[in-house]
Amino acid sequence: MTNWTAATSAVSAAFLASLVEVVEAFTIVLAASVVRGWRPALAGAAAALAVLAALVLSLGPLIGRIPLDGLRVGIGFLLLLFGLRWLRKAILRAAGLIPLHDEESAFAEEAEELRGLARFQPSRADFIAGLAAFKAVLLEGVEVVFIVIAVGTGRGLLVPASLGALAACVLVLAVGAVVHRPLSRAPENTLKFLVGVMLSAFGVFWTAEGLGGQWPGADVALPSLAAVFGLVALGLVQAARACAPVAELART
């Protein structure tokens, strides 16, 4: 029971987080391909994937040498910070205090920026497009690697978490290959809200266990923690919406 609960939570967290990151990376790679063709875009993406693979291979043996309790505390604390950062932005967007992220707009802005650079530096246009794809895949990929390692370490869940991330990558690439456009219809803020809730729950769970605490029901406590974070976050969304008109009146 507990193993299935932990595995399901790890797969879900890795899948949802990776889905968000891969959509953002895909948008930039697609913009680079539209401006300069698929060759430089794919070359930049492939180079980034090679760097990520080297990073994973180098980190794997090092993680195994860290004492388990210390590893759980460190990763738990980082996961909590990471999750709360995602959750904060998702709450503000859901409350209407900051604009929703728009992949169509991001695609248009990135494509226009690449076209501008290509006009000023035509001899380096392919390199610039490839570099944009490289940076996008590398930066978003590092976050995916961190999340997979964080939610999978300590309970032998690296394989399930990796499969969740891989499934997200395959899904985005398959849909992207069919529609050839940014995945603007994906409910990104909802996904970020869910990811923030799950990562925060994992963060509290790992930190407490690393400090010697015992959760009632062991891994079954994970969904309960996620439910608490979710309810508090939804309450904050409502409170922020109620405060927004007051803040607007104060500014005027």
Protein backbone atom coordinates (compact mmCIF):
# COMPACT_ATOMS: atom_id res chain seq x y z
CA MET A 1 0.00 0.00 0.00
CA THR A 2 2.63 2.50 1.07
CA ASN A 3 5.00 1.60 -1.77
CA TRP A 4 2.24 2.16 -4.33
CA THR A 5 1.30 5.45 -2.69
CA ALA A 6 4.88 6.74 -2.78
CA ALA A 7 5.46 5.50 -6.33
CA THR A 8 2.24 7.07 -7.59
CA SER A 9 3.10 10.39 -5.93
CA ALA A 10 6.62 10.36 -7.38
CA VAL A 11 5.41 9.54 -10.90
CA SER A 12 2.66 12.18 -10.75
CA ALA A 13 4.97 14.92 -9.45
CA ALA A 14 7.67 14.13 -12.02
CA PHE A 15 5.15 13.88 -14.86
CA LEU A 16 3.33 17.15 -14.12
CA ALA A 17 6.50 19.14 -13.41
CA SER A 18 8.21 17.79 -16.52
CA LEU A 19 5.11 18.53 -18.60
CA VAL A 20 5.32 22.22 -17.70
CA GLU A 21 9.07 22.46 -18.29
CA VAL A 22 9.03 20.53 -21.58
CA VAL A 23 6.19 22.69 -22.96
CA GLU A 24 8.24 25.83 -22.22
CA ALA A 25 11.38 24.36 -23.79
CA PHE A 26 9.43 23.11 -26.82
CA THR A 27 8.03 26.59 -27.43
CA ILE A 28 11.51 28.09 -27.76
CA VAL A 29 12.87 25.20 -29.85
CA LEU A 30 9.86 25.56 -32.15
CA ALA A 31 10.46 29.32 -32.45
CA ALA A 32 14.10 28.68 -33.38
CA SER A 33 13.05 26.13 -35.99
CA VAL A 34 10.48 28.50 -37.53
CA VAL A 35 13.09 31.26 -37.88
CA ARG A 36 16.09 29.22 -39.05
CA GLY A 37 14.85 25.69 -39.76
CA TRP A 38 14.91 22.46 -37.79
CA ARG A 39 18.63 21.68 -38.20
CA PRO A 40 20.10 24.35 -35.87
CA ALA A 41 17.18 24.00 -33.43
CA LEU A 42 17.56 20.24 -33.15
CA ALA A 43 21.36 20.52 -32.95
CA GLY A 44 21.06 22.92 -30.00
CA ALA A 45 18.48 20.71 -28.28
CA ALA A 46 20.60 17.59 -28.81
CA ALA A 47 23.68 19.30 -27.36
CA ALA A 48 21.68 20.31 -24.28
CA LEU A 49 20.41 16.75 -23.84
CA ALA A 50 24.00 15.49 -24.00
CA VAL A 51 25.01 17.92 -21.25
CA LEU A 52 22.03 16.83 -19.14
CA ALA A 53 22.96 13.17 -19.62
CA ALA A 54 26.51 13.89 -18.47
CA LEU A 55 25.11 15.76 -15.46
CA VAL A 56 22.92 12.82 -14.46
CA LEU A 57 25.76 10.32 -14.87
CA SER A 58 28.08 12.43 -12.74
CA LEU A 59 25.52 13.17 -10.01
CA GLY A 60 24.33 9.57 -9.61
CA PRO A 61 27.42 8.15 -7.88
CA LEU A 62 27.83 11.27 -5.71
CA ILE A 63 24.29 11.08 -4.36
CA GLY A 64 24.84 7.49 -3.27
CA ARG A 65 27.70 8.59 -0.97
CA ILE A 66 25.63 11.08 1.01
CA PRO A 67 24.08 9.78 4.28
CA LEU A 68 20.39 9.10 3.69
CA ASP A 69 19.06 11.30 6.51
CA GLY A 70 21.22 14.25 5.46
CA LEU A 71 20.16 13.73 1.86
CA ARG A 72 16.49 13.76 2.80
CA VAL A 73 16.83 16.95 4.83
CA GLY A 74 18.75 18.76 2.09
CA ILE A 75 16.52 17.62 -0.75
CA GLY A 76 13.38 18.12 1.33
CA PHE A 77 14.32 21.72 2.10
CA LEU A 78 15.12 22.46 -1.55
CA LEU A 79 11.90 20.79 -2.70
CA LEU A 80 9.90 22.89 -0.25
CA LEU A 81 11.49 26.11 -1.51
CA PHE A 82 11.02 25.00 -5.11
CA GLY A 83 7.40 24.00 -4.56
CA LEU A 84 6.48 27.17 -2.68
CA ARG A 85 7.99 29.28 -5.48
CA TRP A 86 5.78 27.53 -8.06
CA LEU A 87 2.77 27.68 -5.74
CA ARG A 88 3.20 31.40 -5.04
CA LYS A 89 3.17 32.29 -8.73
CA ALA A 90 0.25 29.97 -9.41
CA ILE A 91 -1.77 31.57 -6.59
CA LEU A 92 -1.05 35.08 -7.85
CA ARG A 93 -1.98 34.12 -11.41
CA ALA A 94 -5.16 32.36 -10.29
CA ALA A 95 -6.12 35.45 -8.29
CA GLY A 96 -5.55 37.69 -11.31
CA LEU A 97 -2.74 39.67 -9.67
CA ILE A 98 -0.19 38.72 -12.32
CA PRO A 99 -0.96 37.71 -15.93
CA LEU A 100 -1.20 34.07 -16.98
CA HIS A 101 1.74 32.68 -18.91
CA ASP A 102 0.85 32.58 -22.61
CA GLU A 103 2.84 30.16 -24.78
CA GLU A 104 1.55 31.80 -27.98
CA SER A 105 2.91 35.17 -26.83
CA ALA A 106 6.16 33.59 -25.65
CA PHE A 107 6.55 31.91 -29.06
CA ALA A 108 5.90 35.17 -30.92
CA GLU A 109 8.32 37.14 -28.75
CA GLU A 110 11.08 34.55 -29.06
CA ALA A 111 10.64 34.27 -32.82
CA GLU A 112 10.71 38.05 -33.26
CA GLU A 113 13.82 38.36 -31.10
CA LEU A 114 15.59 35.67 -33.11
CA ARG A 115 14.61 37.36 -36.38
CA GLY A 116 16.01 40.66 -35.08
CA LEU A 117 19.31 39.03 -34.11
CA ALA A 118 19.46 37.27 -37.48
CA ARG A 119 19.06 40.58 -39.31
CA PHE A 120 21.92 42.18 -37.38
CA GLN A 121 24.18 39.12 -37.48
CA PRO A 122 23.16 37.11 -40.59
CA SER A 123 26.39 35.09 -40.61
CA ARG A 124 25.66 33.81 -37.10
CA ALA A 125 21.89 33.39 -37.43
CA ASP A 126 21.96 29.57 -37.32
CA PHE A 127 24.31 29.63 -34.33
CA ILE A 128 22.05 32.05 -32.45
CA ALA A 129 18.97 29.89 -33.13
CA GLY A 130 20.81 26.77 -32.00
CA LEU A 131 22.06 28.56 -28.89
CA ALA A 132 18.52 29.63 -28.00
CA ALA A 133 17.32 26.03 -28.30
CA PHE A 134 20.32 24.80 -26.28
CA LYS A 135 19.70 27.25 -23.43
CA ALA A 136 15.97 26.49 -23.30
CA VAL A 137 16.40 22.72 -23.19
CA LEU A 138 19.30 22.91 -20.74
CA LEU A 139 17.63 25.28 -18.27
CA GLU A 140 14.27 23.52 -18.29
CA GLY A 141 15.99 20.14 -18.32
CA VAL A 142 18.03 20.93 -15.21
CA GLU A 143 14.79 21.59 -13.35
CA VAL A 144 13.37 18.28 -14.58
CA VAL A 145 16.51 16.40 -13.49
CA PHE A 146 16.41 18.05 -10.08
CA ILE A 147 12.75 17.16 -9.55
CA VAL A 148 13.22 13.55 -10.69
CA ILE A 149 16.21 13.07 -8.40
CA ALA A 150 14.51 14.85 -5.51
CA VAL A 151 11.24 12.92 -5.54
CA GLY A 152 12.90 9.62 -6.39
CA THR A 153 15.86 9.57 -4.02
CA GLY A 154 15.64 7.81 -0.69
CA ARG A 155 12.90 5.29 -1.44
CA GLY A 156 14.21 3.64 -4.58
CA LEU A 157 11.78 5.62 -6.73
CA LEU A 158 14.21 7.04 -9.28
CA VAL A 159 12.95 4.67 -11.98
CA PRO A 160 9.23 5.50 -11.49
CA ALA A 161 10.02 9.23 -11.30
CA SER A 162 12.16 8.99 -14.44
CA LEU A 163 9.37 7.16 -16.26
CA GLY A 164 6.95 9.94 -15.28
CA ALA A 165 9.31 12.58 -16.70
CA LEU A 166 9.91 10.52 -19.83
CA ALA A 167 6.17 10.12 -20.38
CA ALA A 168 5.75 13.90 -20.21
CA CYS A 169 8.52 14.43 -22.76
CA VAL A 170 7.04 11.87 -25.15
CA LEU A 171 3.54 13.36 -24.80
CA VAL A 172 4.67 16.93 -25.51
CA LEU A 173 6.86 15.92 -28.45
CA ALA A 174 4.12 13.73 -29.93
CA VAL A 175 1.48 16.46 -29.68
CA GLY A 176 3.94 19.09 -30.88
CA ALA A 177 4.93 16.98 -33.89
CA VAL A 178 1.28 16.72 -34.90
CA VAL A 179 0.13 20.32 -34.36
CA HIS A 180 3.44 22.13 -35.11
CA ARG A 181 2.55 24.99 -32.77
CA PRO A 182 3.01 26.07 -29.14
CA LEU A 183 0.85 24.08 -26.74
CA SER A 184 -1.04 27.14 -25.60
CA ARG A 185 -4.16 25.20 -24.66
CA ALA A 186 -2.39 23.29 -21.91
CA PRO A 187 -3.73 24.51 -18.53
CA GLU A 188 -0.27 25.59 -17.47
CA ASN A 189 -1.21 27.51 -14.34
CA THR A 190 -3.32 24.62 -13.09
CA LEU A 191 -0.39 22.28 -13.70
CA LYS A 192 1.97 24.63 -11.86
CA PHE A 193 -0.51 24.84 -8.99
CA LEU A 194 -0.63 21.05 -8.72
CA VAL A 195 3.14 20.72 -9.03
CA GLY A 196 3.69 23.37 -6.36
CA VAL A 197 1.34 21.50 -4.02
CA MET A 198 3.01 18.14 -4.62
CA LEU A 199 6.60 19.39 -4.38
CA SER A 200 5.81 21.27 -1.17
CA ALA A 201 4.24 18.10 0.28
CA PHE A 202 7.31 16.06 -0.69
CA GLY A 203 9.55 18.75 0.82
CA VAL A 204 7.86 18.65 4.21
CA PHE A 205 7.71 14.83 4.10
CA TRP A 206 11.41 14.33 3.33
CA THR A 207 12.61 17.02 5.74
CA ALA A 208 10.68 15.56 8.67
CA GLU A 209 11.87 12.04 7.91
CA GLY A 210 15.46 13.21 7.57
CA LEU A 211 15.23 14.84 11.01
CA GLY A 212 14.06 11.55 12.52
CA GLY A 213 10.29 12.11 12.44
CA GLN A 214 7.81 9.34 11.74
CA TRP A 215 4.66 10.03 9.74
CA PRO A 216 1.40 8.30 10.70
CA GLY A 217 0.76 5.73 8.01
CA ALA A 218 4.25 6.27 6.54
CA ASP A 219 3.94 7.06 2.79
CA VAL A 220 0.16 7.40 3.08
CA ALA A 221 0.82 10.77 4.75
CA LEU A 222 1.96 12.21 1.41
CA PRO A 223 -1.54 12.64 -0.08
CA SER A 224 -2.73 14.14 3.21
CA LEU A 225 0.09 16.70 3.15
CA ALA A 226 -0.71 17.53 -0.47
CA ALA A 227 -4.39 17.99 0.46
CA VAL A 228 -3.44 20.41 3.25
CA PHE A 229 -1.22 22.47 0.95
CA GLY A 230 -3.91 22.45 -1.74
CA LEU A 231 -6.65 23.64 0.60
CA VAL A 232 -4.45 26.39 2.07
CA ALA A 233 -3.41 27.50 -1.43
CA LEU A 234 -7.04 27.63 -2.61
CA GLY A 235 -7.89 29.70 0.45
CA LEU A 236 -5.06 32.08 -0.38
CA VAL A 237 -6.38 32.43 -3.93
CA GLN A 238 -9.77 33.49 -2.59
CA ALA A 239 -8.17 35.88 -0.08
CA ALA A 240 -5.98 37.43 -2.78
CA ARG A 241 -8.99 37.92 -5.06
CA ALA A 242 -10.86 39.65 -2.25
CA CYS A 243 -7.91 41.92 -1.48
CA ALA A 244 -7.24 42.84 -5.11
CA PRO A 245 -10.03 45.47 -5.44
CA VAL A 246 -8.96 47.05 -2.15
CA ALA A 247 -5.35 47.29 -3.33
CA GLU A 248 -6.51 48.78 -6.64
CA LEU A 249 -8.54 51.45 -4.85
CA ALA A 250 -5.59 52.28 -2.60
CA ARG A 251 -3.38 52.87 -5.65
CA THR A 252 -5.93 55.20 -7.23
